[in-house]
Structure formats: C-alpha cells, structure tokens
Amino acid sequence: MSAVDHPENASAAGPAIILVEPQLGENIGMVARAMANFGLAELRLVNPRDGWPSEKARAAASRADHVIDAVTVFGDLASAVADLNFVFATTARERDGFKPVRGPVEAGRALRARQMAGLRTGILFGRERFGLYNDEVGLADEIVTFPVDPGFSSLNIAQAVLLMSYEWMKSGLEDETATNFSSPEMKPASKEELHGLFAYLEGALEARGYFRPAPKKPKMVDNLRAVLTRAGFAEPELKVLRGIISSLDRFSPAMPRGDGSPGDDPRRLPAAARKRQADKED
C-alpha cells in the first residue's frame, strides 16, 4: 500500500511547502503529487493566480487528494510564514545579503534536525516564471539552491518541490541505501550442479566438433568454465540454462562444426540453396 492509499500515514510534521503566486492549477497539482510521494502533506498557497479551489490541480495531483483538500490560501507571504520557526527560500540566482546558502542534502538534514527539536519549518518556492523577489527571500532564514547546470538552471516548480521532498524523506532514513523492495533471494548453485553443467555442455559441444583444433580443446574448455563461473548463477538460473542446452541438444542433429560456413553441411542450407548446390554437383 502507498501513502496515497493511506493518507493518514503522511507526515504532517514535515515542512510546509509554500508556493508564492503559483500560476497554473496543473502545477499546483503536480506539486501536491510530489509532496505525497515523499510523505509531505501541508501545502500553502500565496495568492494563486487562478484562485482556489482548482479542479485542474486536483486532476494533476493523481489521487493526492489529502494534500489538495488540506491546502491553505494566504493573501500575503508574511502571513503564510508567520507561525513557522524556520524557513528556507529556494532560488537559482545569487542574492545580495548575508543569509547562509545550503545545498539540498544539507537543507534536508537541517529541516529534519529542527523538526526533531519540535520546531515548525517551511520551504518557499517562487513563481514559475521568475521565482522570488528579494524582499520575499528576506523573510526566510536561509537559502537552498540546487546544483544544476549554470547554463540551464531553471526548474519546473514541481521538480524543485520533488527534489526537496526527496531530501526531506531521505534525511529521516536509517539507511539511505535501503529500498522499498528487493530482488527475490535465490539459493546459489552448488559446485556439484555447476560442474554437472560444465560436463553436459562440454559433451554437447564435443558431439558437434566444436573443439577444433584438438590441441586447443583444454584452453577452450577453461575459457568456457571461466565464463560460466563468473556469472554467479543461482540454482534456478542454472536449471534454466541446463534446460535450454538440453532442449537444443535434443532438437539438433549431431552436426560437425566444420569451418563455420553454411556450405559445410547441406542440412544447414535453405531448400532452394540445397537444390542449387545439388545441381552444381550433377
């Protein structure tokens, strides 16, 4: 089950996401979806251009209805941050002033530390076209900026929210390399099973004259064993591989390897080619 299926699992204690004069309902909806992906639930809007509520926002939120339903609208930014103890402002541009500037990883950890201390936090995101004014940045405690390509530094507002929401969630993980699911555990193949496959494959190749010239056979066998050993097969994988070799062995007649060209054995040629070859021999 996901946090969308059980919105009560969303972390209301996380930072508030504050959008200043967002223009499109679709962007607000995508922001709500990004928040829900990483357990954030409190979305604040300052003077949304097209008003609120917005059916376009709800449609774009892709079932993050718990975020949309809880949206709070403010008439000015000062009111939107009044109850918060600590606020980050996001910006791609260098600003005048003396505010500390953090990257997203450090900012996520700083927000987590303050949340653990019982403080209320928020993150400001500016307008889609030109971001935050300097006086709006001035209402924040610190600045967070993303390490993007300087030649193309503008992020869609939902992308920016997604990045910060991800760093917020990651900062609370005991193991940052942990995943929600993993590949099934399979028992490694035993050496006996692996040696059995070697012997079976060697016999099948021997029957087809693969090991040519004969003096090179030991080296060729060593190479085959090295390839198959390096793969680190699990028991089920080895059974599949042996089944494939067995199927080919039963299906194909014992056919000498020759020099590798189709003309080595007429049985390798299509019917029309076999007829032409027979006519030449006559």
C-alpha atoms as a PDB file:
ATOM      1  CA  MET A   1       0.000   0.000   0.000  1.00  0.00           C
ATOM      2  CA  SER A   2       1.172   3.546  -0.712  1.00  0.00           C
ATOM      3  CA  ALA A   3       0.873   6.768   1.222  1.00  0.00           C
ATOM      4  CA  VAL A   4      -1.760   7.783  -1.322  1.00  0.00           C
ATOM      5  CA  ASP A   5      -3.886   4.781  -0.355  1.00  0.00           C
ATOM      6  CA  HIS A   6      -3.475   5.686   3.325  1.00  0.00           C
ATOM      7  CA  PRO A   7      -3.106   9.469   3.564  1.00  0.00           C
ATOM      8  CA  GLU A   8      -3.221   9.250   7.348  1.00  0.00           C
ATOM      9  CA  ASN A   9       0.331   7.880   7.099  1.00  0.00           C
ATOM     10  CA  ALA A  10       1.556  11.170   5.609  1.00  0.00           C
ATOM     11  CA  SER A  11       3.987  13.054   7.808  1.00  0.00           C
ATOM     12  CA  ALA A  12       2.106  16.195   8.878  1.00  0.00           C
ATOM     13  CA  ALA A  13       5.157  17.103  10.989  1.00  0.00           C
ATOM     14  CA  GLY A  14       7.241  17.721   7.871  1.00  0.00           C
ATOM     15  CA  PRO A  15       7.988  21.165   6.457  1.00  0.00           C
ATOM     16  CA  ALA A  16       5.176  23.196   4.937  1.00  0.00           C
ATOM     17  CA  ILE A  17       5.544  23.726   1.192  1.00  0.00           C
ATOM     18  CA  ILE A  18       4.736  27.357   0.348  1.00  0.00           C
ATOM     19  CA  LEU A  19       4.087  28.402  -3.264  1.00  0.00           C
ATOM     20  CA  VAL A  20       4.181  32.143  -3.923  1.00  0.00           C
ATOM     21  CA  GLU A  21       1.662  33.274  -6.561  1.00  0.00           C
ATOM     22  CA  PRO A  22       1.529  29.971  -8.472  1.00  0.00           C
ATOM     23  CA  GLN A  23       0.044  30.452 -11.929  1.00  0.00           C
ATOM     24  CA  LEU A  24      -1.339  27.133 -13.152  1.00  0.00           C
ATOM     25  CA  GLY A  25      -3.610  24.720 -11.334  1.00  0.00           C
ATOM     26  CA  GLU A  26      -1.824  21.865 -13.081  1.00  0.00           C
ATOM     27  CA  ASN A  27       1.474  22.901 -11.495  1.00  0.00           C
ATOM     28  CA  ILE A  28      -0.123  23.036  -8.048  1.00  0.00           C
ATOM     29  CA  GLY A  29      -1.490  19.538  -8.584  1.00  0.00           C
ATOM     30  CA  MET A  30       1.892  18.184  -9.635  1.00  0.00           C
ATOM     31  CA  VAL A  31       3.432  19.780  -6.552  1.00  0.00           C
ATOM     32  CA  ALA A  32       0.831  18.010  -4.387  1.00  0.00           C
ATOM     33  CA  ARG A  33       1.679  14.711  -6.047  1.00  0.00           C
ATOM     34  CA  ALA A  34       5.422  15.233  -5.484  1.00  0.00           C
ATOM     35  CA  MET A  35       4.780  16.020  -1.820  1.00  0.00           C
ATOM     36  CA  ALA A  36       2.647  12.911  -1.334  1.00  0.00           C
ATOM     37  CA  ASN A  37       5.348  10.743  -2.919  1.00  0.00           C
ATOM     38  CA  PHE A  38       7.654  11.622  -0.037  1.00  0.00           C
ATOM     39  CA  GLY A  39       5.278  11.944   2.885  1.00  0.00           C
ATOM     40  CA  LEU A  40       4.624  15.687   2.973  1.00  0.00           C
ATOM     41  CA  ALA A  41       1.067  16.922   3.422  1.00  0.00           C
ATOM     42  CA  GLU A  42       0.976  20.662   4.207  1.00  0.00           C
ATOM     43  CA  LEU A  43       0.684  22.870   1.115  1.00  0.00           C
ATOM     44  CA  ARG A  44       0.248  26.644   1.441  1.00  0.00           C
ATOM     45  CA  LEU A  45      -0.593  28.957  -1.467  1.00  0.00           C
ATOM     46  CA  VAL A  46       0.030  32.695  -1.555  1.00  0.00           C
ATOM     47  CA  ASN A  47      -2.345  34.474  -3.979  1.00  0.00           C
ATOM     48  CA  PRO A  48      -2.763  31.695  -6.589  1.00  0.00           C
ATOM     49  CA  ARG A  49      -3.373  33.467  -9.905  1.00  0.00           C
ATOM     50  CA  ASP A  50      -6.425  31.436 -10.941  1.00  0.00           C
ATOM     51  CA  GLY A  51      -7.939  31.250  -7.479  1.00  0.00           C
ATOM     52  CA  TRP A  52      -8.718  28.258  -5.326  1.00  0.00           C
ATOM     53  CA  PRO A  53     -10.040  25.545  -5.325  1.00  0.00           C
ATOM     54  CA  SER A  54      -8.950  24.237  -8.722  1.00  0.00           C
ATOM     55  CA  GLU A  55     -10.240  21.140 -10.485  1.00  0.00           C
ATOM     56  CA  LYS A  56      -7.182  21.238 -12.742  1.00  0.00           C
ATOM     57  CA  ALA A  57      -4.984  20.977  -9.667  1.00  0.00           C
ATOM     58  CA  ARG A  58      -6.972  18.031  -8.330  1.00  0.00           C
ATOM     59  CA  ALA A  59      -6.764  16.209 -11.655  1.00  0.00           C
ATOM     60  CA  ALA A  60      -2.998  16.757 -11.912  1.00  0.00           C
ATOM     61  CA  ALA A  61      -2.469  15.602  -8.315  1.00  0.00           C
ATOM     62  CA  SER A  62      -3.148  11.999  -9.370  1.00  0.00           C
ATOM     63  CA  ARG A  63      -5.047  10.966  -6.207  1.00  0.00           C
ATOM     64  CA  ALA A  64      -3.010  13.081  -3.780  1.00  0.00           C
ATOM     65  CA  ASP A  65      -6.406  14.366  -2.649  1.00  0.00           C
ATOM     66  CA  HIS A  66      -5.406  14.574   1.010  1.00  0.00           C
ATOM     67  CA  VAL A  67      -2.863  17.265   0.082  1.00  0.00           C
ATOM     68  CA  ILE A  68      -5.302  19.163  -2.152  1.00  0.00           C
ATOM     69  CA  ASP A  69      -8.085  19.044   0.452  1.00  0.00           C
ATOM     70  CA  ALA A  70      -5.801  20.473   3.148  1.00  0.00           C
ATOM     71  CA  VAL A  71      -4.466  23.418   1.095  1.00  0.00           C
ATOM     72  CA  THR A  72      -4.427  26.759   2.927  1.00  0.00           C
ATOM     73  CA  VAL A  73      -4.567  30.026   0.959  1.00  0.00           C
ATOM     74  CA  PHE A  74      -2.944  33.254   2.210  1.00  0.00           C
ATOM     75  CA  GLY A  75      -3.190  36.824   0.982  1.00  0.00           C
ATOM     76  CA  ASP A  76       0.479  37.604   1.559  1.00  0.00           C
ATOM     77  CA  LEU A  77       3.725  35.768   2.212  1.00  0.00           C
ATOM     78  CA  ALA A  78       4.285  37.249   5.668  1.00  0.00           C
ATOM     79  CA  SER A  79       1.030  35.668   6.837  1.00  0.00           C
ATOM     80  CA  ALA A  80       1.957  32.340   5.231  1.00  0.00           C
ATOM     81  CA  VAL A  81       5.169  32.047   7.268  1.00  0.00           C
ATOM     82  CA  ALA A  82       4.024  33.772  10.473  1.00  0.00           C
ATOM     83  CA  ASP A  83       3.594  30.575  12.518  1.00  0.00           C
ATOM     84  CA  LEU A  84       6.842  28.955  11.349  1.00  0.00           C
ATOM     85  CA  ASN A  85      10.091  28.907  13.310  1.00  0.00           C
ATOM     86  CA  PHE A  86      12.463  28.315  10.405  1.00  0.00           C
ATOM     87  CA  VAL A  87      12.092  28.855   6.653  1.00  0.00           C
ATOM     88  CA  PHE A  88      14.226  28.025   3.613  1.00  0.00           C
ATOM     89  CA  ALA A  89      13.860  30.025   0.373  1.00  0.00           C
ATOM     90  CA  THR A  90      14.683  28.237  -2.878  1.00  0.00           C
ATOM     91  CA  THR A  91      16.457  30.181  -5.609  1.00  0.00           C
ATOM     92  CA  ALA A  92      18.651  29.529  -8.623  1.00  0.00           C
ATOM     93  CA  ARG A  93      20.159  33.040  -8.543  1.00  0.00           C
ATOM     94  CA  GLU A  94      22.798  34.541  -6.293  1.00  0.00           C
ATOM     95  CA  ARG A  95      21.232  37.059  -3.924  1.00  0.00           C
ATOM     96  CA  ASP A  96      22.563  40.062  -2.054  1.00  0.00           C
ATOM     97  CA  GLY A  97      22.646  39.697   1.700  1.00  0.00           C
ATOM     98  CA  PHE A  98      24.211  37.536   4.331  1.00  0.00           C
ATOM     99  CA  LYS A  99      21.929  34.524   4.519  1.00  0.00           C
ATOM    100  CA  PRO A 100      23.592  31.094   4.669  1.00  0.00           C
ATOM    101  CA  VAL A 101      23.293  29.125   1.419  1.00  0.00           C
ATOM    102  CA  ARG A 102      22.799  25.350   1.531  1.00  0.00           C
ATOM    103  CA  GLY A 103      22.590  22.562  -0.993  1.00  0.00           C
ATOM    104  CA  PRO A 104      19.505  20.305  -0.948  1.00  0.00           C
ATOM    105  CA  VAL A 105      21.179  17.482   1.006  1.00  0.00           C
ATOM    106  CA  GLU A 106      22.328  19.767   3.811  1.00  0.00           C
ATOM    107  CA  ALA A 107      18.993  21.600   3.770  1.00  0.00           C
ATOM    108  CA  GLY A 108      17.062  18.346   4.150  1.00  0.00           C
ATOM    109  CA  ARG A 109      19.138  17.403   7.172  1.00  0.00           C
ATOM    110  CA  ALA A 110      18.736  20.876   8.684  1.00  0.00           C
ATOM    111  CA  LEU A 111      14.957  20.661   8.335  1.00  0.00           C
ATOM    112  CA  ARG A 112      14.937  17.207   9.918  1.00  0.00           C
ATOM    113  CA  ALA A 113      17.027  18.372  12.881  1.00  0.00           C
ATOM    114  CA  ARG A 114      14.695  21.275  13.549  1.00  0.00           C
ATOM    115  CA  GLN A 115      11.626  19.088  13.200  1.00  0.00           C
ATOM    116  CA  MET A 116      13.113  16.667  15.741  1.00  0.00           C
ATOM    117  CA  ALA A 117      13.604  19.650  18.064  1.00  0.00           C
ATOM    118  CA  GLY A 118       9.895  20.460  17.824  1.00  0.00           C
ATOM    119  CA  LEU A 119      10.199  23.479  15.516  1.00  0.00           C
ATOM    120  CA  ARG A 120       7.813  24.226  12.657  1.00  0.00           C
ATOM    121  CA  THR A 121       9.535  24.638   9.300  1.00  0.00           C
ATOM    122  CA  GLY A 122       8.723  25.594   5.735  1.00  0.00           C
ATOM    123  CA  ILE A 123      10.212  25.893   2.255  1.00  0.00           C
ATOM    124  CA  LEU A 124       9.416  28.814  -0.073  1.00  0.00           C
ATOM    125  CA  PHE A 125       9.091  28.303  -3.824  1.00  0.00           C
ATOM    126  CA  GLY A 126       8.736  31.263  -6.180  1.00  0.00           C
ATOM    127  CA  ARG A 127       6.708  31.982  -9.280  1.00  0.00           C
ATOM    128  CA  GLU A 128       7.035  29.702 -12.278  1.00  0.00           C
ATOM    129  CA  ARG A 129       8.499  32.461 -14.472  1.00  0.00           C
ATOM    130  CA  PHE A 130      10.904  34.369 -12.241  1.00  0.00           C
ATOM    131  CA  GLY A 131      10.964  32.924  -8.740  1.00  0.00           C
ATOM    132  CA  LEU A 132      11.023  35.008  -5.560  1.00  0.00           C
ATOM    133  CA  TYR A 133      11.592  38.740  -5.125  1.00  0.00           C
ATOM    134  CA  ASN A 134      14.482  39.792  -2.887  1.00  0.00           C
ATOM    135  CA  ASP A 135      12.148  41.035  -0.171  1.00  0.00           C
ATOM    136  CA  GLU A 136      10.425  37.635  -0.188  1.00  0.00           C
ATOM    137  CA  VAL A 137      13.760  35.857   0.172  1.00  0.00           C
ATOM    138  CA  GLY A 138      14.353  38.252   3.057  1.00  0.00           C
ATOM    139  CA  LEU A 139      11.518  36.591   5.001  1.00  0.00           C
ATOM    140  CA  ALA A 140      13.435  33.296   5.019  1.00  0.00           C
ATOM    141  CA  ASP A 141      16.200  32.263   7.410  1.00  0.00           C
ATOM    142  CA  GLU A 142      18.430  30.535   4.872  1.00  0.00           C
ATOM    143  CA  ILE A 143      18.660  29.863   1.136  1.00  0.00           C
ATOM    144  CA  VAL A 144      18.688  26.492  -0.595  1.00  0.00           C
ATOM    145  CA  THR A 145      19.884  26.187  -4.183  1.00  0.00           C
ATOM    146  CA  PHE A 146      20.221  23.167  -6.459  1.00  0.00           C
ATOM    147  CA  PRO A 147      23.474  22.067  -8.142  1.00  0.00           C
ATOM    148  CA  VAL A 148      22.124  22.354 -11.690  1.00  0.00           C
ATOM    149  CA  ASP A 149      23.820  23.241 -14.966  1.00  0.00           C
ATOM    150  CA  PRO A 150      24.506  27.013 -14.817  1.00  0.00           C
ATOM    151  CA  GLY A 151      23.594  27.235 -18.499  1.00  0.00           C
ATOM    152  CA  PHE A 152      20.091  25.914 -17.823  1.00  0.00           C
ATOM    153  CA  SER A 153      19.317  26.412 -14.169  1.00  0.00           C
ATOM    154  CA  SER A 154      15.540  26.882 -14.249  1.00  0.00           C
ATOM    155  CA  LEU A 155      13.490  24.068 -12.700  1.00  0.00           C
ATOM    156  CA  ASN A 156       9.780  23.469 -13.041  1.00  0.00           C
ATOM    157  CA  ILE A 157       8.193  24.224  -9.672  1.00  0.00           C
ATOM    158  CA  ALA A 158       7.050  20.613  -9.229  1.00  0.00           C
ATOM    159  CA  GLN A 159      10.589  19.401  -9.953  1.00  0.00           C
ATOM    160  CA  ALA A 160      12.001  21.719  -7.309  1.00  0.00           C
ATOM    161  CA  VAL A 161       9.432  20.563  -4.752  1.00  0.00           C
ATOM    162  CA  LEU A 162      10.139  16.933  -5.647  1.00  0.00           C
ATOM    163  CA  LEU A 163      13.872  17.368  -5.035  1.00  0.00           C
ATOM    164  CA  MET A 164      13.399  18.976  -1.632  1.00  0.00           C
ATOM    165  CA  SER A 165      10.680  16.492  -0.626  1.00  0.00           C
ATOM    166  CA  TYR A 166      13.027  13.643  -1.511  1.00  0.00           C
ATOM    167  CA  GLU A 167      15.870  15.120   0.530  1.00  0.00           C
ATOM    168  CA  TRP A 168      13.481  15.600   3.444  1.00  0.00           C
ATOM    169  CA  MET A 169      12.429  11.947   3.410  1.00  0.00           C
ATOM    170  CA  LYS A 170      15.986  10.713   2.848  1.00  0.00           C
ATOM    171  CA  SER A 171      17.204  12.661   5.873  1.00  0.00           C
ATOM    172  CA  GLY A 172      14.971  10.519   8.086  1.00  0.00           C
ATOM    173  CA  LEU A 173      16.121   7.124   6.806  1.00  0.00           C
ATOM    174  CA  GLU A 174      18.358   4.985   8.985  1.00  0.00           C
ATOM    175  CA  ASP A 175      19.909   3.544   5.837  1.00  0.00           C
ATOM    176  CA  GLU A 176      19.932   5.824   2.784  1.00  0.00           C
ATOM    177  CA  THR A 177      20.654   2.849   0.520  1.00  0.00           C
ATOM    178  CA  ALA A 178      17.527   0.977   1.646  1.00  0.00           C
ATOM    179  CA  THR A 179      14.788   0.285  -0.926  1.00  0.00           C
ATOM    180  CA  ASN A 180      11.086  -0.496  -0.574  1.00  0.00           C
ATOM    181  CA  PHE A 181      11.559  -3.908  -2.173  1.00  0.00           C
ATOM    182  CA  SER A 182      14.423  -6.098  -3.301  1.00  0.00           C
ATOM    183  CA  SER A 183      15.061  -8.912  -5.728  1.00  0.00           C
ATOM    184  CA  PRO A 184      13.975 -12.373  -4.557  1.00  0.00           C
ATOM    185  CA  GLU A 185      16.600 -14.312  -2.671  1.00  0.00           C
ATOM    186  CA  MET A 186      17.746 -17.360  -4.591  1.00  0.00           C
ATOM    187  CA  LYS A 187      19.985 -20.139  -3.383  1.00  0.00           C
ATOM    188  CA  PRO A 188      23.355 -20.037  -5.158  1.00  0.00           C
ATOM    189  CA  ALA A 189      24.051 -23.042  -7.347  1.00  0.00           C
ATOM    190  CA  SER A 190      26.264 -25.669  -5.744  1.00  0.00           C
ATOM    191  CA  LYS A 191      29.632 -26.552  -7.224  1.00  0.00           C
ATOM    192  CA  GLU A 192      28.270 -30.011  -7.995  1.00  0.00           C
ATOM    193  CA  GLU A 193      25.472 -28.503 -10.085  1.00  0.00           C
ATOM    194  CA  LEU A 194      27.884 -26.161 -11.827  1.00  0.00           C
ATOM    195  CA  HIS A 195      30.330 -28.950 -12.620  1.00  0.00           C
ATOM    196  CA  GLY A 196      27.435 -31.021 -13.949  1.00  0.00           C
ATOM    197  CA  LEU A 197      26.542 -28.197 -16.328  1.00  0.00           C
ATOM    198  CA  PHE A 198      30.183 -27.950 -17.449  1.00  0.00           C
ATOM    199  CA  ALA A 199      30.287 -31.664 -18.238  1.00  0.00           C
ATOM    200  CA  TYR A 200      26.936 -31.611 -20.049  1.00  0.00           C
ATOM    201  CA  LEU A 201      27.864 -28.576 -22.156  1.00  0.00           C
ATOM    202  CA  GLU A 202      31.294 -29.965 -22.959  1.00  0.00           C
ATOM    203  CA  GLY A 203      29.739 -33.231 -24.140  1.00  0.00           C
ATOM    204  CA  ALA A 204      27.183 -31.437 -26.330  1.00  0.00           C
ATOM    205  CA  LEU A 205      29.882 -29.281 -27.929  1.00  0.00           C
ATOM    206  CA  GLU A 206      32.199 -32.261 -28.394  1.00  0.00           C
ATOM    207  CA  ALA A 207      29.454 -34.099 -30.310  1.00  0.00           C
ATOM    208  CA  ARG A 208      29.283 -31.192 -32.766  1.00  0.00           C
ATOM    209  CA  GLY A 209      33.004 -30.901 -33.327  1.00  0.00           C
ATOM    210  CA  TYR A 210      33.219 -27.541 -31.587  1.00  0.00           C
ATOM    211  CA  PHE A 211      36.656 -28.099 -30.102  1.00  0.00           C
ATOM    212  CA  ARG A 212      38.865 -27.508 -33.122  1.00  0.00           C
ATOM    213  CA  PRO A 213      41.754 -27.806 -33.494  1.00  0.00           C
ATOM    214  CA  ALA A 214      42.005 -30.594 -30.937  1.00  0.00           C
ATOM    215  CA  PRO A 215      45.176 -29.275 -29.209  1.00  0.00           C
ATOM    216  CA  LYS A 216      43.241 -26.126 -28.254  1.00  0.00           C
ATOM    217  CA  LYS A 217      40.437 -28.008 -26.529  1.00  0.00           C
ATOM    218  CA  PRO A 218      41.833 -27.693 -22.955  1.00  0.00           C
ATOM    219  CA  LYS A 219      42.142 -23.911 -23.307  1.00  0.00           C
ATOM    220  CA  MET A 220      38.680 -23.621 -24.861  1.00  0.00           C
ATOM    221  CA  VAL A 221      37.183 -25.658 -22.018  1.00  0.00           C
ATOM    222  CA  ASP A 222      38.964 -23.467 -19.468  1.00  0.00           C
ATOM    223  CA  ASN A 223      37.535 -20.346 -21.124  1.00  0.00           C
ATOM    224  CA  LEU A 224      34.001 -21.748 -21.066  1.00  0.00           C
ATOM    225  CA  ARG A 225      34.321 -22.651 -17.404  1.00  0.00           C
ATOM    226  CA  ALA A 226      35.661 -19.171 -16.602  1.00  0.00           C
ATOM    227  CA  VAL A 227      32.693 -17.512 -18.337  1.00  0.00           C
ATOM    228  CA  LEU A 228      30.103 -19.683 -16.603  1.00  0.00           C
ATOM    229  CA  THR A 229      31.784 -19.403 -13.205  1.00  0.00           C
ATOM    230  CA  ARG A 230      31.985 -15.605 -13.366  1.00  0.00           C
ATOM    231  CA  ALA A 231      28.219 -15.299 -13.866  1.00  0.00           C
ATOM    232  CA  GLY A 232      27.498 -16.432 -10.300  1.00  0.00           C
ATOM    233  CA  PHE A 233      24.375 -18.421 -11.163  1.00  0.00           C
ATOM    234  CA  ALA A 234      21.642 -19.077  -8.654  1.00  0.00           C
ATOM    235  CA  GLU A 235      20.237 -22.602  -8.540  1.00  0.00           C
ATOM    236  CA  PRO A 236      17.049 -21.797 -10.532  1.00  0.00           C
ATOM    237  CA  GLU A 237      19.075 -19.926 -13.168  1.00  0.00           C
ATOM    238  CA  LEU A 238      21.394 -22.881 -13.641  1.00  0.00           C
ATOM    239  CA  LYS A 239      18.414 -25.193 -14.125  1.00  0.00           C
ATOM    240  CA  VAL A 240      17.018 -22.877 -16.789  1.00  0.00           C
ATOM    241  CA  LEU A 241      20.347 -22.767 -18.620  1.00  0.00           C
ATOM    242  CA  ARG A 242      20.753 -26.526 -18.498  1.00  0.00           C
ATOM    243  CA  GLY A 243      17.195 -26.944 -19.773  1.00  0.00           C
ATOM    244  CA  ILE A 244      17.955 -24.686 -22.744  1.00  0.00           C
ATOM    245  CA  ILE A 245      21.107 -26.635 -23.616  1.00  0.00           C
ATOM    246  CA  SER A 246      19.242 -29.921 -23.214  1.00  0.00           C
ATOM    247  CA  SER A 247      16.446 -28.731 -25.495  1.00  0.00           C
ATOM    248  CA  LEU A 248      18.888 -27.670 -28.202  1.00  0.00           C
ATOM    249  CA  ASP A 249      20.774 -30.944 -27.833  1.00  0.00           C
ATOM    250  CA  ARG A 250      17.612 -32.995 -28.415  1.00  0.00           C
ATOM    251  CA  PHE A 251      16.366 -30.833 -31.266  1.00  0.00           C
ATOM    252  CA  SER A 252      19.562 -30.532 -33.298  1.00  0.00           C
ATOM    253  CA  PRO A 253      21.138 -33.497 -35.067  1.00  0.00           C
ATOM    254  CA  ALA A 254      24.770 -34.207 -34.292  1.00  0.00           C
ATOM    255  CA  MET A 255      26.344 -31.911 -36.839  1.00  0.00           C
ATOM    256  CA  PRO A 256      30.085 -31.318 -37.249  1.00  0.00           C
ATOM    257  CA  ARG A 257      31.275 -27.786 -36.703  1.00  0.00           C
ATOM    258  CA  GLY A 258      33.324 -27.537 -39.899  1.00  0.00           C
ATOM    259  CA  ASP A 259      34.775 -24.152 -40.733  1.00  0.00           C
ATOM    260  CA  GLY A 260      31.632 -22.299 -39.706  1.00  0.00           C
ATOM    261  CA  SER A 261      30.251 -21.592 -43.194  1.00  0.00           C
ATOM    262  CA  PRO A 262      26.735 -22.741 -44.226  1.00  0.00           C
ATOM    263  CA  GLY A 263      28.256 -24.821 -47.016  1.00  0.00           C
ATOM    264  CA  ASP A 264      29.893 -27.191 -44.518  1.00  0.00           C
ATOM    265  CA  ASP A 265      26.784 -29.329 -44.363  1.00  0.00           C
ATOM    266  CA  PRO A 266      23.870 -29.235 -46.815  1.00  0.00           C
ATOM    267  CA  ARG A 267      21.456 -29.587 -43.900  1.00  0.00           C
ATOM    268  CA  ARG A 268      22.388 -26.040 -42.856  1.00  0.00           C
ATOM    269  CA  LEU A 269      21.178 -24.533 -46.158  1.00  0.00           C
ATOM    270  CA  PRO A 270      17.657 -23.414 -47.105  1.00  0.00           C
ATOM    271  CA  ALA A 271      15.837 -25.731 -49.543  1.00  0.00           C
ATOM    272  CA  ALA A 272      16.464 -23.524 -52.616  1.00  0.00           C
ATOM    273  CA  ALA A 273      20.176 -23.275 -51.831  1.00  0.00           C
ATOM    274  CA  ARG A 274      20.419 -27.053 -51.340  1.00  0.00           C
ATOM    275  CA  LYS A 275      18.840 -27.585 -54.774  1.00  0.00           C
ATOM    276  CA  ARG A 276      21.300 -25.202 -56.456  1.00  0.00           C
ATOM    277  CA  GLN A 277      24.207 -26.962 -54.758  1.00  0.00           C
ATOM    278  CA  ALA A 278      22.921 -30.367 -55.865  1.00  0.00           C
ATOM    279  CA  ASP A 279      22.546 -29.113 -59.469  1.00  0.00           C
ATOM    280  CA  LYS A 280      26.157 -27.924 -59.471  1.00  0.00           C
ATOM    281  CA  GLU A 281      27.393 -31.286 -58.240  1.00  0.00           C
ATOM    282  CA  ASP A 282      25.465 -33.066 -61.026  1.00  0.00           C
END
